[in-house]
PDB file of N, CA and C in Angstrom:
ATOM      1  N   MET A   1      -1.121 -35.206 -91.841  1.00  0.00           N
ATOM      2  CA  MET A   1      -2.182 -36.145 -91.546  1.00  0.00           C
ATOM      3  C   MET A   1      -2.664 -35.905 -90.119  1.00  0.00           C
ATOM      4  N   SER A   2      -3.914 -36.173 -89.896  1.00  0.00           N
ATOM      5  CA  SER A   2      -4.499 -35.921 -88.579  1.00  0.00           C
ATOM      6  C   SER A   2      -3.960 -36.899 -87.544  1.00  0.00           C
ATOM      7  N   ARG A   3      -4.339 -36.678 -86.310  1.00  0.00           N
ATOM      8  CA  ARG A   3      -3.924 -37.595 -85.249  1.00  0.00           C
ATOM      9  C   ARG A   3      -4.615 -38.952 -85.395  1.00  0.00           C
ATOM     10  N   ARG A   4      -5.583 -39.025 -86.272  1.00  0.00           N
ATOM     11  CA  ARG A   4      -6.312 -40.274 -86.512  1.00  0.00           C
ATOM     12  C   ARG A   4      -5.758 -40.959 -87.768  1.00  0.00           C
ATOM     13  N   ARG A   5      -4.470 -41.194 -87.724  1.00  0.00           N
ATOM     14  CA  ARG A   5      -3.766 -41.787 -88.866  1.00  0.00           C
ATOM     15  C   ARG A   5      -4.343 -43.118 -89.288  1.00  0.00           C
ATOM     16  N   GLY A   6      -4.714 -43.942 -88.322  1.00  0.00           N
ATOM     17  CA  GLY A   6      -5.243 -45.271 -88.652  1.00  0.00           C
ATOM     18  C   GLY A   6      -6.526 -45.196 -89.455  1.00  0.00           C
ATOM     19  N   VAL A   7      -7.386 -44.247 -89.120  1.00  0.00           N
ATOM     20  CA  VAL A   7      -8.649 -44.090 -89.843  1.00  0.00           C
ATOM     21  C   VAL A   7      -8.360 -43.617 -91.263  1.00  0.00           C
ATOM     22  N   GLU A   8      -7.474 -42.655 -91.409  1.00  0.00           N
ATOM     23  CA  GLU A   8      -7.148 -42.183 -92.749  1.00  0.00           C
ATOM     24  C   GLU A   8      -6.494 -43.301 -93.567  1.00  0.00           C
ATOM     25  N   LYS A   9      -5.653 -44.093 -92.936  1.00  0.00           N
ATOM     26  CA  LYS A   9      -5.039 -45.222 -93.638  1.00  0.00           C
ATOM     27  C   LYS A   9      -6.120 -46.209 -94.087  1.00  0.00           C
ATOM     28  N   PHE A  10      -7.066 -46.507 -93.186  1.00  0.00           N
ATOM     29  CA  PHE A  10      -8.159 -47.406 -93.548  1.00  0.00           C
ATOM     30  C   PHE A  10      -8.963 -46.839 -94.720  1.00  0.00           C
ATOM     31  N   LEU A  11      -9.348 -45.555 -94.632  1.00  0.00           N
ATOM     32  CA  LEU A  11     -10.151 -44.943 -95.692  1.00  0.00           C
ATOM     33  C   LEU A  11      -9.399 -44.928 -97.022  1.00  0.00           C
ATOM     34  N   TYR A  12      -8.101 -44.680 -96.971  1.00  0.00           N
ATOM     35  CA  TYR A  12      -7.295 -44.702 -98.197  1.00  0.00           C
ATOM     36  C   TYR A  12      -7.358 -46.091 -98.837  1.00  0.00           C
ATOM     37  N   HIS A  13      -7.126 -47.116 -98.041  1.00  0.00           N
ATOM     38  CA  HIS A  13      -7.142 -48.476 -98.580  1.00  0.00           C
ATOM     39  C   HIS A  13      -8.551 -48.887 -99.005  1.00  0.00           C
ATOM     40  N   TYR A  14      -9.542 -48.450 -98.266  1.00  0.00           N
ATOM     41  CA  TYR A  14     -10.933 -48.728 -98.637  1.00  0.00           C
ATOM     42  C   TYR A  14     -11.220 -48.162-100.029  1.00  0.00           C
ATOM     43  N   ASP A  15     -10.722 -46.987-100.308  1.00  0.00           N
ATOM     44  CA  ASP A  15     -10.919 -46.325-101.597  1.00  0.00           C
ATOM     45  C   ASP A  15     -10.240 -47.095-102.731  1.00  0.00           C
ATOM     46  N   LYS A  16      -9.104 -47.704-102.463  1.00  0.00           N
ATOM     47  CA  LYS A  16      -8.291 -48.324-103.506  1.00  0.00           C
ATOM     48  C   LYS A  16      -8.499 -49.830-103.662  1.00  0.00           C
ATOM     49  N   ASP A  17      -9.071 -50.487-102.666  1.00  0.00           N
ATOM     50  CA  ASP A  17      -9.066 -51.946-102.623  1.00  0.00           C
ATOM     51  C   ASP A  17     -10.494 -52.513-102.597  1.00  0.00           C
ATOM     52  N   ALA A  18     -10.941 -53.025-103.742  1.00  0.00           N
ATOM     53  CA  ALA A  18     -12.300 -53.580-103.846  1.00  0.00           C
ATOM     54  C   ALA A  18     -12.491 -54.768-102.905  1.00  0.00           C
ATOM     55  N   ASP A  19     -11.445 -55.571-102.707  1.00  0.00           N
ATOM     56  CA  ASP A  19     -11.540 -56.709-101.801  1.00  0.00           C
ATOM     57  C   ASP A  19     -11.789 -56.242-100.367  1.00  0.00           C
ATOM     58  N   LEU A  20     -11.106 -55.182 -99.952  1.00  0.00           N
ATOM     59  CA  LEU A  20     -11.320 -54.625 -98.614  1.00  0.00           C
ATOM     60  C   LEU A  20     -12.761 -54.130 -98.472  1.00  0.00           C
ATOM     61  N   ARG A  21     -13.285 -53.498 -99.508  1.00  0.00           N
ATOM     62  CA  ARG A  21     -14.673 -53.013 -99.453  1.00  0.00           C
ATOM     63  C   ARG A  21     -15.650 -54.180 -99.283  1.00  0.00           C
ATOM     64  N   GLN A  22     -15.418 -55.270 -99.989  1.00  0.00           N
ATOM     65  CA  GLN A  22     -16.286 -56.443 -99.848  1.00  0.00           C
ATOM     66  C   GLN A  22     -16.193 -57.032 -98.451  1.00  0.00           C
ATOM     67  N   LYS A  23     -14.986 -57.139 -97.930  1.00  0.00           N
ATOM     68  CA  LYS A  23     -14.803 -57.681 -96.582  1.00  0.00           C
ATOM     69  C   LYS A  23     -15.439 -56.771 -95.533  1.00  0.00           C
ATOM     70  N   PHE A  24     -15.322 -55.458 -95.719  1.00  0.00           N
ATOM     71  CA  PHE A  24     -15.929 -54.510 -94.785  1.00  0.00           C
ATOM     72  C   PHE A  24     -17.451 -54.660 -94.801  1.00  0.00           C
ATOM     73  N   ALA A  25     -18.032 -54.858 -95.967  1.00  0.00           N
ATOM     74  CA  ALA A  25     -19.478 -55.040 -96.073  1.00  0.00           C
ATOM     75  C   ALA A  25     -19.927 -56.295 -95.322  1.00  0.00           C
ATOM     76  N   ALA A  26     -19.112 -57.336 -95.377  1.00  0.00           N
ATOM     77  CA  ALA A  26     -19.460 -58.594 -94.728  1.00  0.00           C
ATOM     78  C   ALA A  26     -19.201 -58.580 -93.229  1.00  0.00           C
ATOM     79  N   ASP A  27     -18.095 -57.969 -92.801  1.00  0.00           N
ATOM     80  CA  ASP A  27     -17.714 -57.977 -91.387  1.00  0.00           C
ATOM     81  C   ASP A  27     -16.833 -56.767 -91.082  1.00  0.00           C
ATOM     82  N   PRO A  28     -17.460 -55.618 -90.821  1.00  0.00           N
ATOM     83  CA  PRO A  28     -16.694 -54.377 -90.640  1.00  0.00           C
ATOM     84  C   PRO A  28     -15.606 -54.456 -89.579  1.00  0.00           C
ATOM     85  N   ARG A  29     -15.892 -55.067 -88.459  1.00  0.00           N
ATOM     86  CA  ARG A  29     -14.925 -55.088 -87.367  1.00  0.00           C
ATOM     87  C   ARG A  29     -13.689 -55.912 -87.725  1.00  0.00           C
ATOM     88  N   ALA A  30     -13.882 -56.999 -88.432  1.00  0.00           N
ATOM     89  CA  ALA A  30     -12.766 -57.898 -88.747  1.00  0.00           C
ATOM     90  C   ALA A  30     -11.717 -57.223 -89.633  1.00  0.00           C
ATOM     91  N   VAL A  31     -12.136 -56.404 -90.581  1.00  0.00           N
ATOM     92  CA  VAL A  31     -11.165 -55.814 -91.503  1.00  0.00           C
ATOM     93  C   VAL A  31     -10.446 -54.612 -90.913  1.00  0.00           C
ATOM     94  N   GLN A  32     -10.906 -54.116 -89.788  1.00  0.00           N
ATOM     95  CA  GLN A  32     -10.301 -52.933 -89.192  1.00  0.00           C
ATOM     96  C   GLN A  32      -9.139 -53.260 -88.263  1.00  0.00           C
ATOM     97  N   VAL A  33      -8.934 -54.514 -87.979  1.00  0.00           N
ATOM     98  CA  VAL A  33      -7.928 -54.945 -87.005  1.00  0.00           C
ATOM     99  C   VAL A  33      -6.529 -54.450 -87.359  1.00  0.00           C
ATOM    100  N   ASP A  34      -6.180 -54.488 -88.617  1.00  0.00           N
ATOM    101  CA  ASP A  34      -4.812 -54.165 -89.045  1.00  0.00           C
ATOM    102  C   ASP A  34      -4.499 -52.679 -89.075  1.00  0.00           C
ATOM    103  N   PHE A  35      -5.450 -51.827 -88.717  1.00  0.00           N
ATOM    104  CA  PHE A  35      -5.243 -50.392 -88.858  1.00  0.00           C
ATOM    105  C   PHE A  35      -5.034 -49.669 -87.530  1.00  0.00           C
ATOM    106  N   GLY A  36      -5.005 -50.397 -86.420  1.00  0.00           N
ATOM    107  CA  GLY A  36      -4.717 -49.798 -85.117  1.00  0.00           C
ATOM    108  C   GLY A  36      -5.732 -48.765 -84.682  1.00  0.00           C
ATOM    109  N   LEU A  37      -7.006 -49.045 -84.889  1.00  0.00           N
ATOM    110  CA  LEU A  37      -8.062 -48.085 -84.577  1.00  0.00           C
ATOM    111  C   LEU A  37      -8.531 -48.201 -83.132  1.00  0.00           C
ATOM    112  N   SER A  38      -8.940 -47.086 -82.578  1.00  0.00           N
ATOM    113  CA  SER A  38      -9.552 -47.087 -81.244  1.00  0.00           C
ATOM    114  C   SER A  38     -10.978 -47.605 -81.362  1.00  0.00           C
ATOM    115  N   ASP A  39     -11.583 -47.924 -80.235  1.00  0.00           N
ATOM    116  CA  ASP A  39     -12.988 -48.354 -80.238  1.00  0.00           C
ATOM    117  C   ASP A  39     -13.879 -47.274 -80.841  1.00  0.00           C
ATOM    118  N   GLU A  40     -13.610 -46.025 -80.504  1.00  0.00           N
ATOM    119  CA  GLU A  40     -14.395 -44.904 -81.015  1.00  0.00           C
ATOM    120  C   GLU A  40     -14.298 -44.814 -82.549  1.00  0.00           C
ATOM    121  N   GLU A  41     -13.112 -45.016 -83.058  1.00  0.00           N
ATOM    122  CA  GLU A  41     -12.904 -44.968 -84.511  1.00  0.00           C
ATOM    123  C   GLU A  41     -13.586 -46.139 -85.206  1.00  0.00           C
ATOM    124  N   ARG A  42     -13.445 -47.328 -84.635  1.00  0.00           N
ATOM    125  CA  ARG A  42     -14.106 -48.503 -85.209  1.00  0.00           C
ATOM    126  C   ARG A  42     -15.614 -48.323 -85.220  1.00  0.00           C
ATOM    127  N   ASP A  43     -16.155 -47.802 -84.122  1.00  0.00           N
ATOM    128  CA  ASP A  43     -17.601 -47.591 -84.044  1.00  0.00           C
ATOM    129  C   ASP A  43     -18.078 -46.591 -85.094  1.00  0.00           C
ATOM    130  N   ALA A  44     -17.339 -45.514 -85.293  1.00  0.00           N
ATOM    131  CA  ALA A  44     -17.725 -44.512 -86.293  1.00  0.00           C
ATOM    132  C   ALA A  44     -17.729 -45.124 -87.689  1.00  0.00           C
ATOM    133  N   LEU A  45     -16.736 -45.936 -87.992  1.00  0.00           N
ATOM    134  CA  LEU A  45     -16.700 -46.582 -89.307  1.00  0.00           C
ATOM    135  C   LEU A  45     -17.838 -47.581 -89.460  1.00  0.00           C
ATOM    136  N   GLU A  46     -18.098 -48.360 -88.443  1.00  0.00           N
ATOM    137  CA  GLU A  46     -19.188 -49.336 -88.508  1.00  0.00           C
ATOM    138  C   GLU A  46     -20.544 -48.658 -88.675  1.00  0.00           C
ATOM    139  N   ARG A  47     -20.709 -47.507 -88.042  1.00  0.00           N
ATOM    140  CA  ARG A  47     -21.963 -46.743 -88.169  1.00  0.00           C
ATOM    141  C   ARG A  47     -22.007 -45.958 -89.471  1.00  0.00           C
ATOM    142  N   ARG A  48     -20.881 -45.975 -90.209  1.00  0.00           N
ATOM    143  CA  ARG A  48     -20.756 -45.180 -91.438  1.00  0.00           C
ATOM    144  C   ARG A  48     -21.020 -43.704 -91.139  1.00  0.00           C
ATOM    145  N   ASP A  49     -20.481 -43.261 -90.030  1.00  0.00           N
ATOM    146  CA  ASP A  49     -20.726 -41.904 -89.522  1.00  0.00           C
ATOM    147  C   ASP A  49     -19.790 -40.909 -90.199  1.00  0.00           C
ATOM    148  N   VAL A  50     -20.161 -40.515 -91.405  1.00  0.00           N
ATOM    149  CA  VAL A  50     -19.307 -39.610 -92.171  1.00  0.00           C
ATOM    150  C   VAL A  50     -19.245 -38.216 -91.553  1.00  0.00           C
ATOM    151  N   VAL A  51     -20.267 -37.843 -90.802  1.00  0.00           N
ATOM    152  CA  VAL A  51     -20.222 -36.555 -90.106  1.00  0.00           C
ATOM    153  C   VAL A  51     -19.109 -36.574 -89.062  1.00  0.00           C
ATOM    154  N   GLN A  52     -19.025 -37.641 -88.293  1.00  0.00           N
ATOM    155  CA  GLN A  52     -17.962 -37.748 -87.287  1.00  0.00           C
ATOM    156  C   GLN A  52     -16.591 -37.776 -87.952  1.00  0.00           C
ATOM    157  N   LEU A  53     -16.464 -38.519 -89.030  1.00  0.00           N
ATOM    158  CA  LEU A  53     -15.184 -38.571 -89.747  1.00  0.00           C
ATOM    159  C   LEU A  53     -14.774 -37.170 -90.193  1.00  0.00           C
ATOM    160  N   HIS A  54     -15.724 -36.412 -90.697  1.00  0.00           N
ATOM    161  CA  HIS A  54     -15.453 -35.033 -91.106  1.00  0.00           C
ATOM    162  C   HIS A  54     -15.068 -34.163 -89.906  1.00  0.00           C
ATOM    163  N   MET A  55     -15.788 -34.315 -88.812  1.00  0.00           N
ATOM    164  CA  MET A  55     -15.529 -33.507 -87.616  1.00  0.00           C
ATOM    165  C   MET A  55     -14.145 -33.798 -87.035  1.00  0.00           C
ATOM    166  N   TRP A  56     -13.640 -34.982 -87.257  1.00  0.00           N
ATOM    167  CA  TRP A  56     -12.293 -35.317 -86.800  1.00  0.00           C
ATOM    168  C   TRP A  56     -11.222 -34.698 -87.684  1.00  0.00           C
ATOM    169  N   GLY A  57     -11.642 -34.108 -88.778  1.00  0.00           N
ATOM    170  CA  GLY A  57     -10.685 -33.449 -89.655  1.00  0.00           C
ATOM    171  C   GLY A  57      -9.987 -34.382 -90.630  1.00  0.00           C
ATOM    172  N   LEU A  58     -10.607 -35.512 -90.902  1.00  0.00           N
ATOM    173  CA  LEU A  58     -10.017 -36.433 -91.870  1.00  0.00           C
ATOM    174  C   LEU A  58     -10.081 -35.832 -93.264  1.00  0.00           C
ATOM    175  N   HIS A  59      -9.219 -36.296 -94.130  1.00  0.00           N
ATOM    176  CA  HIS A  59      -9.147 -35.746 -95.476  1.00  0.00           C
ATOM    177  C   HIS A  59     -10.516 -35.836 -96.150  1.00  0.00           C
ATOM    178  N   ALA A  60     -10.988 -34.708 -96.648  1.00  0.00           N
ATOM    179  CA  ALA A  60     -12.344 -34.608 -97.208  1.00  0.00           C
ATOM    180  C   ALA A  60     -12.576 -35.579 -98.365  1.00  0.00           C
ATOM    181  N   LEU A  61     -11.574 -35.786 -99.205  1.00  0.00           N
ATOM    182  CA  LEU A  61     -11.770 -36.703-100.332  1.00  0.00           C
ATOM    183  C   LEU A  61     -11.908 -38.148 -99.873  1.00  0.00           C
ATOM    184  N   LEU A  62     -11.209 -38.513 -98.817  1.00  0.00           N
ATOM    185  CA  LEU A  62     -11.346 -39.865 -98.281  1.00  0.00           C
ATOM    186  C   LEU A  62     -12.738 -40.076 -97.708  1.00  0.00           C
ATOM    187  N   VAL A  63     -13.234 -39.080 -96.988  1.00  0.00           N
ATOM    188  CA  VAL A  63     -14.582 -39.170 -96.416  1.00  0.00           C
ATOM    189  C   VAL A  63     -15.613 -39.218 -97.543  1.00  0.00           C
ATOM    190  N   ARG A  64     -15.446 -38.347 -98.537  1.00  0.00           N
ATOM    191  CA  ARG A  64     -16.378 -38.316 -99.662  1.00  0.00           C
ATOM    192  C   ARG A  64     -16.402 -39.647-100.399  1.00  0.00           C
ATOM    193  N   ASN A  65     -15.232 -40.213-100.662  1.00  0.00           N
ATOM    194  CA  ASN A  65     -15.182 -41.472-101.396  1.00  0.00           C
ATOM    195  C   ASN A  65     -15.774 -42.622-100.592  1.00  0.00           C
ATOM    196  N   PHE A  66     -15.520 -42.644 -99.286  1.00  0.00           N
ATOM    197  CA  PHE A  66     -16.120 -43.653 -98.403  1.00  0.00           C
ATOM    198  C   PHE A  66     -17.641 -43.552 -98.487  1.00  0.00           C
ATOM    199  N   ALA A  67     -18.159 -42.336 -98.375  1.00  0.00           N
ATOM    200  CA  ALA A  67     -19.608 -42.117 -98.461  1.00  0.00           C
ATOM    201  C   ALA A  67     -20.137 -42.539 -99.828  1.00  0.00           C
ATOM    202  N   GLY A  68     -19.404 -42.223-100.870  1.00  0.00           N
ATOM    203  CA  GLY A  68     -19.846 -42.565-102.209  1.00  0.00           C
ATOM    204  C   GLY A  68     -19.954 -44.059-102.437  1.00  0.00           C
ATOM    205  N   PHE A  69     -18.952 -44.801-102.004  1.00  0.00           N
ATOM    206  CA  PHE A  69     -18.999 -46.257-102.158  1.00  0.00           C
ATOM    207  C   PHE A  69     -20.184 -46.849-101.408  1.00  0.00           C
ATOM    208  N   LEU A  70     -20.533 -46.237-100.282  1.00  0.00           N
ATOM    209  CA  LEU A  70     -21.627 -46.742 -99.455  1.00  0.00           C
ATOM    210  C   LEU A  70     -22.975 -46.110 -99.811  1.00  0.00           C
ATOM    211  N   LYS A  71     -22.966 -45.253-100.829  1.00  0.00           N
ATOM    212  CA  LYS A  71     -24.176 -44.567-101.291  1.00  0.00           C
ATOM    213  C   LYS A  71     -24.835 -43.754-100.170  1.00  0.00           C
ATOM    214  N   ILE A  72     -23.993 -43.053 -99.423  1.00  0.00           N
ATOM    215  CA  ILE A  72     -24.446 -42.177 -98.341  1.00  0.00           C
ATOM    216  C   ILE A  72     -24.510 -40.758 -98.880  1.00  0.00           C
ATOM    217  N   ASP A  73     -25.637 -40.098 -98.692  1.00  0.00           N
ATOM    218  CA  ASP A  73     -25.789 -38.699 -99.107  1.00  0.00           C
ATOM    219  C   ASP A  73     -25.131 -37.824 -98.041  1.00  0.00           C
ATOM    220  N   TYR A  74     -23.822 -37.719 -98.134  1.00  0.00           N
ATOM    221  CA  TYR A  74     -23.062 -37.023 -97.095  1.00  0.00           C
ATOM    222  C   TYR A  74     -23.368 -35.536 -97.058  1.00  0.00           C
ATOM    223  N   VAL A  75     -23.690 -34.925 -98.184  1.00  0.00           N
ATOM    224  CA  VAL A  75     -23.994 -33.492 -98.198  1.00  0.00           C
ATOM    225  C   VAL A  75     -25.228 -33.209 -97.350  1.00  0.00           C
ATOM    226  N   SER A  76     -26.260 -34.021 -97.495  1.00  0.00           N
ATOM    227  CA  SER A  76     -27.467 -33.847 -96.674  1.00  0.00           C
ATOM    228  C   SER A  76     -27.167 -34.055 -95.194  1.00  0.00           C
ATOM    229  N   LEU A  77     -26.336 -35.049 -94.902  1.00  0.00           N
ATOM    230  CA  LEU A  77     -25.981 -35.294 -93.501  1.00  0.00           C
ATOM    231  C   LEU A  77     -25.185 -34.129 -92.926  1.00  0.00           C
ATOM    232  N   PHE A  78     -24.282 -33.572 -93.727  1.00  0.00           N
ATOM    233  CA  PHE A  78     -23.507 -32.412 -93.280  1.00  0.00           C
ATOM    234  C   PHE A  78     -24.437 -31.229 -93.025  1.00  0.00           C
ATOM    235  N   ARG A  79     -25.392 -31.017 -93.901  1.00  0.00           N
ATOM    236  CA  ARG A  79     -26.344 -29.921 -93.706  1.00  0.00           C
ATOM    237  C   ARG A  79     -27.153 -30.107 -92.441  1.00  0.00           C
ATOM    238  N   GLU A  80     -27.633 -31.332 -92.209  1.00  0.00           N
ATOM    239  CA  GLU A  80     -28.405 -31.623 -91.012  1.00  0.00           C
ATOM    240  C   GLU A  80     -27.577 -31.360 -89.753  1.00  0.00           C
ATOM    241  N   ALA A  81     -26.287 -31.620 -89.840  1.00  0.00           N
ATOM    242  CA  ALA A  81     -25.397 -31.416 -88.699  1.00  0.00           C
ATOM    243  C   ALA A  81     -24.930 -29.971 -88.592  1.00  0.00           C
ATOM    244  N   GLY A  82     -25.310 -29.141 -89.563  1.00  0.00           N
ATOM    245  CA  GLY A  82     -24.935 -27.733 -89.536  1.00  0.00           C
ATOM    246  C   GLY A  82     -23.500 -27.459 -89.943  1.00  0.00           C
ATOM    247  N   ILE A  83     -22.922 -28.348 -90.768  1.00  0.00           N
ATOM    248  CA  ILE A  83     -21.525 -28.144 -91.154  1.00  0.00           C
ATOM    249  C   ILE A  83     -21.361 -27.929 -92.654  1.00  0.00           C
ATOM    250  N   ALA A  84     -22.455 -27.695 -93.359  1.00  0.00           N
ATOM    251  CA  ALA A  84     -22.381 -27.404 -94.805  1.00  0.00           C
ATOM    252  C   ALA A  84     -23.319 -26.251 -95.122  1.00  0.00           C
ATOM    253  N   ASP A  85     -22.970 -25.510 -96.154  1.00  0.00           N
ATOM    254  CA  ASP A  85     -23.829 -24.412 -96.585  1.00  0.00           C
ATOM    255  C   ASP A  85     -25.006 -24.910 -97.376  1.00  0.00           C
TER     256      ASP A  85
END
């Protein structure tokens, strides 16, 4: 696991827990408290910055699933950032 364990833990639970997804939609900062995230990590999640999550080396399936739940076209964003073919 990457050095950003808290973010990966959050993304894992976000993928598995519909209640967490609803709470995140209502108040992103409040649900992140239990995951020990830095300000930078919290900001990236609040911005739904899947490019940054990818650049940090987080597990690709966790990033993909996070983007999917939020209906983010992550492939287009990766291309714009120059990190996809």
